[in-house]
Amino acid sequence: MPSQSKTELYAAIRRDVRGGMSIRAATRKHSVSYPTVTKAMASAWPEPRKKPSARPTRLDVYQTLIDAMLLADLVL
């Protein structure tokens, strides 16, 4: 099966369920979970992806020192 966008998947799920297919059959046919089918039935547009929060790195402690070194190299 060719890959499809999530919007196309939601449209196919809605089409099948409105055509009389049970939710369980739609989950099997489209290889998705029950909550995905209920979300597809509730809204034509999938929820946007959540942006991951920025994680601190080990270099954050030394960021000012590194910036100072780089600035000193630019001056020379």
PDB file of N, CA and C in Angstrom:
ATOM      1  N   MET A   1       0.847  -1.181   0.000  1.00  0.00           N
ATOM      2  CA  MET A   1       0.000   0.000   0.000  1.00  0.00           C
ATOM      3  C   MET A   1       0.889   1.239   0.000  1.00  0.00           C
ATOM      4  N   PRO A   2       0.694   2.166  -0.940  1.00  0.00           N
ATOM      5  CA  PRO A   2       1.522   3.372  -0.968  1.00  0.00           C
ATOM      6  C   PRO A   2       1.243   4.237   0.256  1.00  0.00           C
ATOM      7  N   SER A   3       2.289   4.929   0.717  1.00  0.00           N
ATOM      8  CA  SER A   3       2.100   5.763   1.890  1.00  0.00           C
ATOM      9  C   SER A   3       1.216   6.948   1.534  1.00  0.00           C
ATOM     10  N   GLN A   4       0.435   7.373   2.498  1.00  0.00           N
ATOM     11  CA  GLN A   4      -0.467   8.494   2.278  1.00  0.00           C
ATOM     12  C   GLN A   4      -0.348   9.462   3.435  1.00  0.00           C
ATOM     13  N   SER A   5      -0.751  10.682   3.196  1.00  0.00           N
ATOM     14  CA  SER A   5      -0.673  11.676   4.252  1.00  0.00           C
ATOM     15  C   SER A   5      -1.742  11.365   5.299  1.00  0.00           C
ATOM     16  N   LYS A   6      -1.573  11.961   6.453  1.00  0.00           N
ATOM     17  CA  LYS A   6      -2.511  11.712   7.532  1.00  0.00           C
ATOM     18  C   LYS A   6      -3.904  12.250   7.178  1.00  0.00           C
ATOM     19  N   THR A   7      -3.948  13.341   6.430  1.00  0.00           N
ATOM     20  CA  THR A   7      -5.230  13.901   6.012  1.00  0.00           C
ATOM     21  C   THR A   7      -5.950  12.926   5.081  1.00  0.00           C
ATOM     22  N   GLU A   8      -5.209  12.320   4.165  1.00  0.00           N
ATOM     23  CA  GLU A   8      -5.805  11.335   3.257  1.00  0.00           C
ATOM     24  C   GLU A   8      -6.270  10.105   4.025  1.00  0.00           C
ATOM     25  N   LEU A   9      -5.484   9.694   5.029  1.00  0.00           N
ATOM     26  CA  LEU A   9      -5.863   8.555   5.864  1.00  0.00           C
ATOM     27  C   LEU A   9      -7.154   8.851   6.613  1.00  0.00           C
ATOM     28  N   TYR A  10      -7.251  10.046   7.210  1.00  0.00           N
ATOM     29  CA  TYR A  10      -8.475  10.433   7.923  1.00  0.00           C
ATOM     30  C   TYR A  10      -9.670  10.421   6.979  1.00  0.00           C
ATOM     31  N   ALA A  11      -9.488  10.914   5.753  1.00  0.00           N
ATOM     32  CA  ALA A  11     -10.586  10.942   4.786  1.00  0.00           C
ATOM     33  C   ALA A  11     -11.020   9.523   4.423  1.00  0.00           C
ATOM     34  N   ALA A  12     -10.062   8.627   4.238  1.00  0.00           N
ATOM     35  CA  ALA A  12     -10.392   7.235   3.896  1.00  0.00           C
ATOM     36  C   ALA A  12     -11.129   6.553   5.055  1.00  0.00           C
ATOM     37  N   ILE A  13     -10.678   6.819   6.273  1.00  0.00           N
ATOM     38  CA  ILE A  13     -11.341   6.229   7.445  1.00  0.00           C
ATOM     39  C   ILE A  13     -12.769   6.739   7.544  1.00  0.00           C
ATOM     40  N   ARG A  14     -12.967   8.052   7.403  1.00  0.00           N
ATOM     41  CA  ARG A  14     -14.320   8.620   7.475  1.00  0.00           C
ATOM     42  C   ARG A  14     -15.209   8.054   6.380  1.00  0.00           C
ATOM     43  N   ARG A  15     -14.661   7.928   5.176  1.00  0.00           N
ATOM     44  CA  ARG A  15     -15.429   7.383   4.051  1.00  0.00           C
ATOM     45  C   ARG A  15     -15.895   5.963   4.357  1.00  0.00           C
ATOM     46  N   ASP A  16     -14.989   5.134   4.883  1.00  0.00           N
ATOM     47  CA  ASP A  16     -15.341   3.743   5.165  1.00  0.00           C
ATOM     48  C   ASP A  16     -16.366   3.623   6.286  1.00  0.00           C
ATOM     49  N   VAL A  17     -16.160   4.389   7.367  1.00  0.00           N
ATOM     50  CA  VAL A  17     -17.078   4.276   8.512  1.00  0.00           C
ATOM     51  C   VAL A  17     -18.445   4.828   8.149  1.00  0.00           C
ATOM     52  N   ARG A  18     -18.491   5.935   7.420  1.00  0.00           N
ATOM     53  CA  ARG A  18     -19.782   6.489   7.000  1.00  0.00           C
ATOM     54  C   ARG A  18     -20.469   5.587   5.982  1.00  0.00           C
ATOM     55  N   GLY A  19     -19.682   4.778   5.289  1.00  0.00           N
ATOM     56  CA  GLY A  19     -20.246   3.835   4.330  1.00  0.00           C
ATOM     57  C   GLY A  19     -20.791   2.568   4.975  1.00  0.00           C
ATOM     58  N   GLY A  20     -20.664   2.455   6.277  1.00  0.00           N
ATOM     59  CA  GLY A  20     -21.239   1.321   6.979  1.00  0.00           C
ATOM     60  C   GLY A  20     -20.231   0.384   7.617  1.00  0.00           C
ATOM     61  N   MET A  21     -18.951   0.633   7.442  1.00  0.00           N
ATOM     62  CA  MET A  21     -17.929  -0.222   8.040  1.00  0.00           C
ATOM     63  C   MET A  21     -17.858   0.057   9.535  1.00  0.00           C
ATOM     64  N   SER A  22     -17.675  -0.990  10.318  1.00  0.00           N
ATOM     65  CA  SER A  22     -17.555  -0.802  11.763  1.00  0.00           C
ATOM     66  C   SER A  22     -16.201  -0.186  12.099  1.00  0.00           C
ATOM     67  N   ILE A  23     -16.128   0.408  13.279  1.00  0.00           N
ATOM     68  CA  ILE A  23     -14.875   1.032  13.701  1.00  0.00           C
ATOM     69  C   ILE A  23     -13.787  -0.024  13.832  1.00  0.00           C
ATOM     70  N   ARG A  24     -14.139  -1.178  14.347  1.00  0.00           N
ATOM     71  CA  ARG A  24     -13.155  -2.253  14.497  1.00  0.00           C
ATOM     72  C   ARG A  24     -12.612  -2.693  13.143  1.00  0.00           C
ATOM     73  N   ALA A  25     -13.495  -2.811  12.159  1.00  0.00           N
ATOM     74  CA  ALA A  25     -13.055  -3.199  10.812  1.00  0.00           C
ATOM     75  C   ALA A  25     -12.173  -2.116  10.197  1.00  0.00           C
ATOM     76  N   ALA A  26     -12.496  -0.849  10.468  1.00  0.00           N
ATOM     77  CA  ALA A  26     -11.682   0.252   9.943  1.00  0.00           C
ATOM     78  C   ALA A  26     -10.299   0.252  10.579  1.00  0.00           C
ATOM     79  N   THR A  27     -10.206  -0.096  11.861  1.00  0.00           N
ATOM     80  CA  THR A  27      -8.888  -0.155  12.508  1.00  0.00           C
ATOM     81  C   THR A  27      -8.037  -1.229  11.866  1.00  0.00           C
ATOM     82  N   ARG A  28      -8.640  -2.368  11.550  1.00  0.00           N
ATOM     83  CA  ARG A  28      -7.892  -3.450  10.909  1.00  0.00           C
ATOM     84  C   ARG A  28      -7.505  -3.099   9.477  1.00  0.00           C
ATOM     85  N   LYS A  29      -8.432  -2.524   8.724  1.00  0.00           N
ATOM     86  CA  LYS A  29      -8.174  -2.222   7.317  1.00  0.00           C
ATOM     87  C   LYS A  29      -7.061  -1.184   7.157  1.00  0.00           C
ATOM     88  N   HIS A  30      -7.072  -0.166   7.992  1.00  0.00           N
ATOM     89  CA  HIS A  30      -6.116   0.930   7.855  1.00  0.00           C
ATOM     90  C   HIS A  30      -4.915   0.790   8.782  1.00  0.00           C
ATOM     91  N   SER A  31      -4.873  -0.266   9.556  1.00  0.00           N
ATOM     92  CA  SER A  31      -3.770  -0.546  10.489  1.00  0.00           C
ATOM     93  C   SER A  31      -3.509   0.625  11.433  1.00  0.00           C
ATOM     94  N   VAL A  32      -4.582   1.094  12.054  1.00  0.00           N
ATOM     95  CA  VAL A  32      -4.486   2.171  13.032  1.00  0.00           C
ATOM     96  C   VAL A  32      -5.195   1.739  14.308  1.00  0.00           C
ATOM     97  N   SER A  33      -5.047   2.539  15.351  1.00  0.00           N
ATOM     98  CA  SER A  33      -5.674   2.211  16.623  1.00  0.00           C
ATOM     99  C   SER A  33      -7.097   2.776  16.691  1.00  0.00           C
ATOM    100  N   TYR A  34      -7.842   2.320  17.675  1.00  0.00           N
ATOM    101  CA  TYR A  34      -9.211   2.794  17.887  1.00  0.00           C
ATOM    102  C   TYR A  34      -9.253   4.299  18.114  1.00  0.00           C
ATOM    103  N   PRO A  35      -8.347   4.868  18.965  1.00  0.00           N
ATOM    104  CA  PRO A  35      -8.377   6.325  19.139  1.00  0.00           C
ATOM    105  C   PRO A  35      -8.135   7.102  17.842  1.00  0.00           C
ATOM    106  N   THR A  36      -7.336   6.556  16.934  1.00  0.00           N
ATOM    107  CA  THR A  36      -7.091   7.234  15.663  1.00  0.00           C
ATOM    108  C   THR A  36      -8.374   7.286  14.844  1.00  0.00           C
ATOM    109  N   VAL A  37      -9.140   6.213  14.847  1.00  0.00           N
ATOM    110  CA  VAL A  37     -10.406   6.193  14.101  1.00  0.00           C
ATOM    111  C   VAL A  37     -11.388   7.180  14.717  1.00  0.00           C
ATOM    112  N   THR A  38     -11.464   7.236  16.037  1.00  0.00           N
ATOM    113  CA  THR A  38     -12.394   8.180  16.669  1.00  0.00           C
ATOM    114  C   THR A  38     -11.963   9.621  16.414  1.00  0.00           C
ATOM    115  N   LYS A  39     -10.657   9.893  16.383  1.00  0.00           N
ATOM    116  CA  LYS A  39     -10.179  11.239  16.063  1.00  0.00           C
ATOM    117  C   LYS A  39     -10.514  11.581  14.611  1.00  0.00           C
ATOM    118  N   ALA A  40     -10.381  10.616  13.724  1.00  0.00           N
ATOM    119  CA  ALA A  40     -10.699  10.843  12.312  1.00  0.00           C
ATOM    120  C   ALA A  40     -12.186  11.124  12.135  1.00  0.00           C
ATOM    121  N   MET A  41     -13.015  10.492  12.921  1.00  0.00           N
ATOM    122  CA  MET A  41     -14.451  10.720  12.826  1.00  0.00           C
ATOM    123  C   MET A  41     -14.842  12.063  13.433  1.00  0.00           C
ATOM    124  N   ALA A  42     -14.076  12.538  14.399  1.00  0.00           N
ATOM    125  CA  ALA A  42     -14.396  13.799  15.069  1.00  0.00           C
ATOM    126  C   ALA A  42     -13.958  15.013  14.262  1.00  0.00           C
ATOM    127  N   SER A  43     -12.857  14.893  13.520  1.00  0.00           N
ATOM    128  CA  SER A  43     -12.318  16.049  12.818  1.00  0.00           C
ATOM    129  C   SER A  43     -11.719  15.625  11.484  1.00  0.00           C
ATOM    130  N   ALA A  44     -11.907  16.479  10.478  1.00  0.00           N
ATOM    131  CA  ALA A  44     -11.341  16.183   9.157  1.00  0.00           C
ATOM    132  C   ALA A  44      -9.845  16.439   9.122  1.00  0.00           C
ATOM    133  N   TRP A  45      -9.355  17.282  10.020  1.00  0.00           N
ATOM    134  CA  TRP A  45      -7.942  17.635  10.041  1.00  0.00           C
ATOM    135  C   TRP A  45      -7.261  17.013  11.244  1.00  0.00           C
ATOM    136  N   PRO A  46      -6.158  16.324  11.032  1.00  0.00           N
ATOM    137  CA  PRO A  46      -5.424  15.747  12.158  1.00  0.00           C
ATOM    138  C   PRO A  46      -4.809  16.848  13.020  1.00  0.00           C
ATOM    139  N   GLU A  47      -4.591  16.525  14.278  1.00  0.00           N
ATOM    140  CA  GLU A  47      -3.958  17.485  15.176  1.00  0.00           C
ATOM    141  C   GLU A  47      -2.533  17.741  14.712  1.00  0.00           C
ATOM    142  N   PRO A  48      -2.067  18.989  14.795  1.00  0.00           N
ATOM    143  CA  PRO A  48      -0.683  19.252  14.406  1.00  0.00           C
ATOM    144  C   PRO A  48       0.280  18.584  15.373  1.00  0.00           C
ATOM    145  N   ARG A  49       1.444  18.237  14.868  1.00  0.00           N
ATOM    146  CA  ARG A  49       2.448  17.606  15.725  1.00  0.00           C
ATOM    147  C   ARG A  49       2.910  18.577  16.791  1.00  0.00           C
ATOM    148  N   LYS A  50       3.163  18.042  17.955  1.00  0.00           N
ATOM    149  CA  LYS A  50       3.657  18.872  19.049  1.00  0.00           C
ATOM    150  C   LYS A  50       5.157  19.065  18.884  1.00  0.00           C
ATOM    151  N   LYS A  51       5.596  20.289  19.100  1.00  0.00           N
ATOM    152  CA  LYS A  51       7.025  20.584  19.015  1.00  0.00           C
ATOM    153  C   LYS A  51       7.703  20.071  20.282  1.00  0.00           C
ATOM    154  N   PRO A  52       8.794  19.339  20.143  1.00  0.00           N
ATOM    155  CA  PRO A  52       9.493  18.874  21.344  1.00  0.00           C
ATOM    156  C   PRO A  52      10.134  20.051  22.065  1.00  0.00           C
ATOM    157  N   SER A  53      10.118  19.986  23.381  1.00  0.00           N
ATOM    158  CA  SER A  53      10.725  21.059  24.154  1.00  0.00           C
ATOM    159  C   SER A  53      12.247  20.963  24.062  1.00  0.00           C
ATOM    160  N   ALA A  54      12.885  22.100  24.172  1.00  0.00           N
ATOM    161  CA  ALA A  54      14.343  22.139  24.090  1.00  0.00           C
ATOM    162  C   ALA A  54      14.932  21.509  25.353  1.00  0.00           C
ATOM    163  N   ARG A  55      15.818  20.571  25.151  1.00  0.00           N
ATOM    164  CA  ARG A  55      16.457  19.913  26.287  1.00  0.00           C
ATOM    165  C   ARG A  55      17.795  20.576  26.558  1.00  0.00           C
ATOM    166  N   PRO A  56      18.154  20.693  27.818  1.00  0.00           N
ATOM    167  CA  PRO A  56      19.474  21.258  28.116  1.00  0.00           C
ATOM    168  C   PRO A  56      20.569  20.261  27.728  1.00  0.00           C
ATOM    169  N   THR A  57      21.710  20.794  27.316  1.00  0.00           N
ATOM    170  CA  THR A  57      22.838  19.941  26.963  1.00  0.00           C
ATOM    171  C   THR A  57      23.932  20.097  28.010  1.00  0.00           C
ATOM    172  N   ARG A  58      24.913  19.258  27.947  1.00  0.00           N
ATOM    173  CA  ARG A  58      26.023  19.341  28.896  1.00  0.00           C
ATOM    174  C   ARG A  58      26.906  20.544  28.619  1.00  0.00           C
ATOM    175  N   LEU A  59      26.848  21.058  27.400  1.00  0.00           N
ATOM    176  CA  LEU A  59      27.667  22.216  27.051  1.00  0.00           C
ATOM    177  C   LEU A  59      27.060  23.539  27.511  1.00  0.00           C
ATOM    178  N   ASP A  60      25.805  23.536  27.928  1.00  0.00           N
ATOM    179  CA  ASP A  60      25.165  24.782  28.348  1.00  0.00           C
ATOM    180  C   ASP A  60      25.926  25.474  29.472  1.00  0.00           C
ATOM    181  N   VAL A  61      26.541  24.712  30.353  1.00  0.00           N
ATOM    182  CA  VAL A  61      27.299  25.277  31.464  1.00  0.00           C
ATOM    183  C   VAL A  61      28.498  26.065  30.934  1.00  0.00           C
ATOM    184  N   TYR A  62      29.083  25.611  29.852  1.00  0.00           N
ATOM    185  CA  TYR A  62      30.296  26.210  29.303  1.00  0.00           C
ATOM    186  C   TYR A  62      30.020  27.166  28.137  1.00  0.00           C
ATOM    187  N   GLN A  63      28.761  27.454  27.860  1.00  0.00           N
ATOM    188  CA  GLN A  63      28.399  28.253  26.694  1.00  0.00           C
ATOM    189  C   GLN A  63      29.048  29.638  26.725  1.00  0.00           C
ATOM    190  N   THR A  64      29.044  30.301  27.856  1.00  0.00           N
ATOM    191  CA  THR A  64      29.650  31.641  27.923  1.00  0.00           C
ATOM    192  C   THR A  64      31.159  31.565  27.699  1.00  0.00           C
ATOM    193  N   LEU A  65      31.808  30.545  28.235  1.00  0.00           N
ATOM    194  CA  LEU A  65      33.253  30.376  28.046  1.00  0.00           C
ATOM    195  C   LEU A  65      33.576  30.119  26.574  1.00  0.00           C
ATOM    196  N   ILE A  66      32.800  29.273  25.941  1.00  0.00           N
ATOM    197  CA  ILE A  66      33.007  28.958  24.527  1.00  0.00           C
ATOM    198  C   ILE A  66      32.802  30.211  23.668  1.00  0.00           C
ATOM    199  N   ASP A  67      31.731  30.968  23.963  1.00  0.00           N
ATOM    200  CA  ASP A  67      31.484  32.195  23.209  1.00  0.00           C
ATOM    201  C   ASP A  67      32.637  33.187  23.368  1.00  0.00           C
ATOM    202  N   ALA A  68      33.165  33.287  24.577  1.00  0.00           N
ATOM    203  CA  ALA A  68      34.289  34.198  24.818  1.00  0.00           C
ATOM    204  C   ALA A  68      35.521  33.758  24.024  1.00  0.00           C
ATOM    205  N   MET A  69      35.772  32.452  23.973  1.00  0.00           N
ATOM    206  CA  MET A  69      36.921  31.945  23.206  1.00  0.00           C
ATOM    207  C   MET A  69      36.755  32.238  21.716  1.00  0.00           C
ATOM    208  N   LEU A  70      35.561  32.040  21.213  1.00  0.00           N
ATOM    209  CA  LEU A  70      35.313  32.291  19.786  1.00  0.00           C
ATOM    210  C   LEU A  70      35.440  33.773  19.460  1.00  0.00           C
ATOM    211  N   LEU A  71      34.960  34.630  20.332  1.00  0.00           N
ATOM    212  CA  LEU A  71      35.103  36.065  20.115  1.00  0.00           C
ATOM    213  C   LEU A  71      36.571  36.488  20.154  1.00  0.00           C
ATOM    214  N   ALA A  72      37.336  35.876  21.058  1.00  0.00           N
ATOM    215  CA  ALA A  72      38.757  36.197  21.147  1.00  0.00           C
ATOM    216  C   ALA A  72      39.486  35.764  19.867  1.00  0.00           C
ATOM    217  N   ASP A  73      39.076  34.658  19.285  1.00  0.00           N
ATOM    218  CA  ASP A  73      39.683  34.206  18.024  1.00  0.00           C
ATOM    219  C   ASP A  73      39.350  35.133  16.868  1.00  0.00           C
ATOM    220  N   LEU A  74      38.161  35.714  16.888  1.00  0.00           N
ATOM    221  CA  LEU A  74      37.790  36.636  15.829  1.00  0.00           C
ATOM    222  C   LEU A  74      38.613  37.922  15.882  1.00  0.00           C
ATOM    223  N   VAL A  75      38.942  38.355  17.089  1.00  0.00           N
ATOM    224  CA  VAL A  75      39.702  39.590  17.254  1.00  0.00           C
ATOM    225  C   VAL A  75      41.129  39.395  16.757  1.00  0.00           C
ATOM    226  N   LEU A  76      41.692  38.232  16.972  1.00  0.00           N
ATOM    227  CA  LEU A  76      43.081  37.980  16.564  1.00  0.00           C
ATOM    228  C   LEU A  76      43.171  37.752  15.122  1.00  0.00           C
TER     229      LEU A  76
END
